[in-house]
Amino acid sequence: MKILAFGEIMMRLNPSSFKTLTQIDSLDFSFTGTGLNILAGLAENGFVTSMLTALPDNNLGRAAAANIRKLNVLDQGIHYEGNHLGIYILELGYGGRPSEVTYLDRAHSSFNE
């Protein structure tokens, strides 16, 4: 069975070790999105999966596409256009402190244009 998902790929930035932005001077990053996460899980279980999305036509877009391929998700449905990728910062909660998400530049991402 072949499965295709349509959705936005975003760059997730996050402090390590449950720290907040005010406690760090660097961030880890990864590429994610609901559709990609689902496809990666299905690919891990033997399904043939493919992502239909738009990525920026620059090194950031190519890095995101390489990440998609590393997850064994086919990338033939990627359209390269524009210069922006949606970004969000995830500060993981700890103890009584809840997780917090801050979105950046999502309105002007290649996927939305």
Protein backbone atom coordinates (compact mmCIF):
# COMPACT_ATOMS: atom_id res chain seq x y z
CA MET A 1 0.00 0.00 0.00
CA LYS A 2 1.26 3.49 -0.90
CA ILE A 3 0.35 6.43 1.32
CA LEU A 4 0.64 10.12 0.38
CA ALA A 5 0.35 12.99 2.86
CA PHE A 6 -0.03 16.71 2.16
CA GLY A 7 1.23 19.19 4.72
CA GLU A 8 3.71 21.76 5.90
CA ILE A 9 7.22 20.86 7.01
CA MET A 10 8.49 23.13 9.76
CA MET A 11 11.78 23.61 11.54
CA ARG A 12 11.50 22.96 15.25
CA LEU A 13 13.99 24.71 17.50
CA ASN A 14 14.24 23.60 21.10
CA PRO A 15 16.43 24.14 24.13
CA SER A 16 17.99 20.94 25.43
CA SER A 17 17.49 19.43 28.88
CA PHE A 18 14.06 20.99 29.57
CA LYS A 19 15.58 24.48 29.81
CA THR A 20 13.78 27.71 28.84
CA LEU A 21 14.95 30.23 26.26
CA THR A 22 16.24 32.51 29.01
CA GLN A 23 18.54 29.74 30.29
CA ILE A 24 20.37 28.83 27.07
CA ASP A 25 22.60 30.24 24.34
CA SER A 26 22.02 27.60 21.64
CA LEU A 27 19.12 25.56 20.25
CA ASP A 28 18.78 22.08 18.78
CA PHE A 29 16.76 21.82 15.57
CA SER A 30 14.81 19.23 13.62
CA PHE A 31 12.30 19.14 10.77
CA THR A 32 8.77 18.05 11.59
CA GLY A 33 5.10 18.31 10.72
CA THR A 34 2.00 16.28 11.42
CA GLY A 35 1.93 14.61 8.00
CA LEU A 36 5.65 13.86 8.07
CA ASN A 37 5.45 12.39 11.56
CA ILE A 38 2.62 10.06 10.51
CA LEU A 39 4.41 9.03 7.30
CA ALA A 40 7.65 8.32 9.16
CA GLY A 41 5.81 5.99 11.54
CA LEU A 42 4.10 4.22 8.66
CA ALA A 43 7.39 3.91 6.72
CA GLU A 44 8.99 2.38 9.80
CA ASN A 45 6.26 -0.26 9.70
CA GLY A 46 6.86 -1.18 6.06
CA PHE A 47 4.48 1.13 4.17
CA VAL A 48 5.63 3.06 1.09
CA THR A 49 5.05 6.71 1.94
CA SER A 50 5.46 10.00 0.10
CA MET A 51 5.22 13.66 1.16
CA LEU A 52 3.51 16.37 -0.92
CA THR A 53 4.74 19.77 0.25
CA ALA A 54 6.62 22.95 -0.67
CA LEU A 55 10.06 23.78 0.67
CA PRO A 56 12.29 26.81 0.14
CA ASP A 57 14.63 26.68 -2.84
CA ASN A 58 17.80 27.01 -0.76
CA ASN A 59 20.07 24.97 1.53
CA LEU A 60 17.46 24.95 4.30
CA GLY A 61 14.90 23.37 1.97
CA ARG A 62 17.43 20.81 0.78
CA ALA A 63 18.31 19.96 4.40
CA ALA A 64 14.62 19.44 5.16
CA ALA A 65 14.29 17.18 2.10
CA ALA A 66 17.33 15.17 3.20
CA ASN A 67 15.67 14.70 6.59
CA ILE A 68 12.50 13.46 4.87
CA ARG A 69 14.55 10.89 2.95
CA LYS A 70 16.34 9.78 6.15
CA LEU A 71 12.90 8.89 7.52
CA ASN A 72 12.34 6.62 4.47
CA VAL A 73 9.63 8.94 3.14
CA LEU A 74 9.76 9.51 -0.63
CA ASP A 75 10.33 13.11 -1.67
CA GLN A 76 9.15 13.23 -5.31
CA GLY A 77 6.16 15.36 -4.25
CA ILE A 78 8.31 18.23 -2.99
CA HIS A 79 8.03 21.55 -4.81
CA TYR A 80 10.91 23.98 -4.26
CA GLU A 81 9.91 27.65 -4.24
CA GLY A 82 10.53 30.77 -2.19
CA ASN A 83 13.00 31.33 0.62
CA HIS A 84 11.19 30.74 3.91
CA LEU A 85 10.39 27.76 6.09
CA GLY A 86 7.93 27.91 8.97
CA ILE A 87 9.74 27.80 12.31
CA TYR A 88 8.59 27.16 15.83
CA ILE A 89 10.31 27.02 19.19
CA LEU A 90 9.30 24.28 21.62
CA GLU A 91 10.22 24.77 25.26
CA LEU A 92 9.47 21.43 26.91
CA GLY A 93 7.67 21.60 30.22
CA TYR A 94 9.20 20.30 33.40
CA GLY A 95 7.49 19.56 36.69
CA GLY A 96 4.66 22.09 37.08
CA ARG A 97 5.84 24.23 34.15
CA PRO A 98 3.86 23.46 30.96
CA SER A 99 5.43 23.19 27.52
CA GLU A 100 5.29 26.35 25.45
CA VAL A 101 5.30 26.79 21.66
CA THR A 102 6.21 30.02 19.84
CA TYR A 103 5.65 30.23 16.06
CA LEU A 104 7.92 32.33 13.82
CA ASP A 105 7.63 33.27 10.14
CA ARG A 106 4.90 30.72 9.38
CA ALA A 107 2.72 33.09 7.32
CA HIS A 108 5.47 33.60 4.73
CA SER A 109 6.67 29.99 4.43
CA SER A 110 7.06 28.38 1.00
CA PHE A 111 4.15 26.08 1.86
CA ASN A 112 1.78 29.01 2.51
CA GLU A 113 2.80 31.02 -0.55
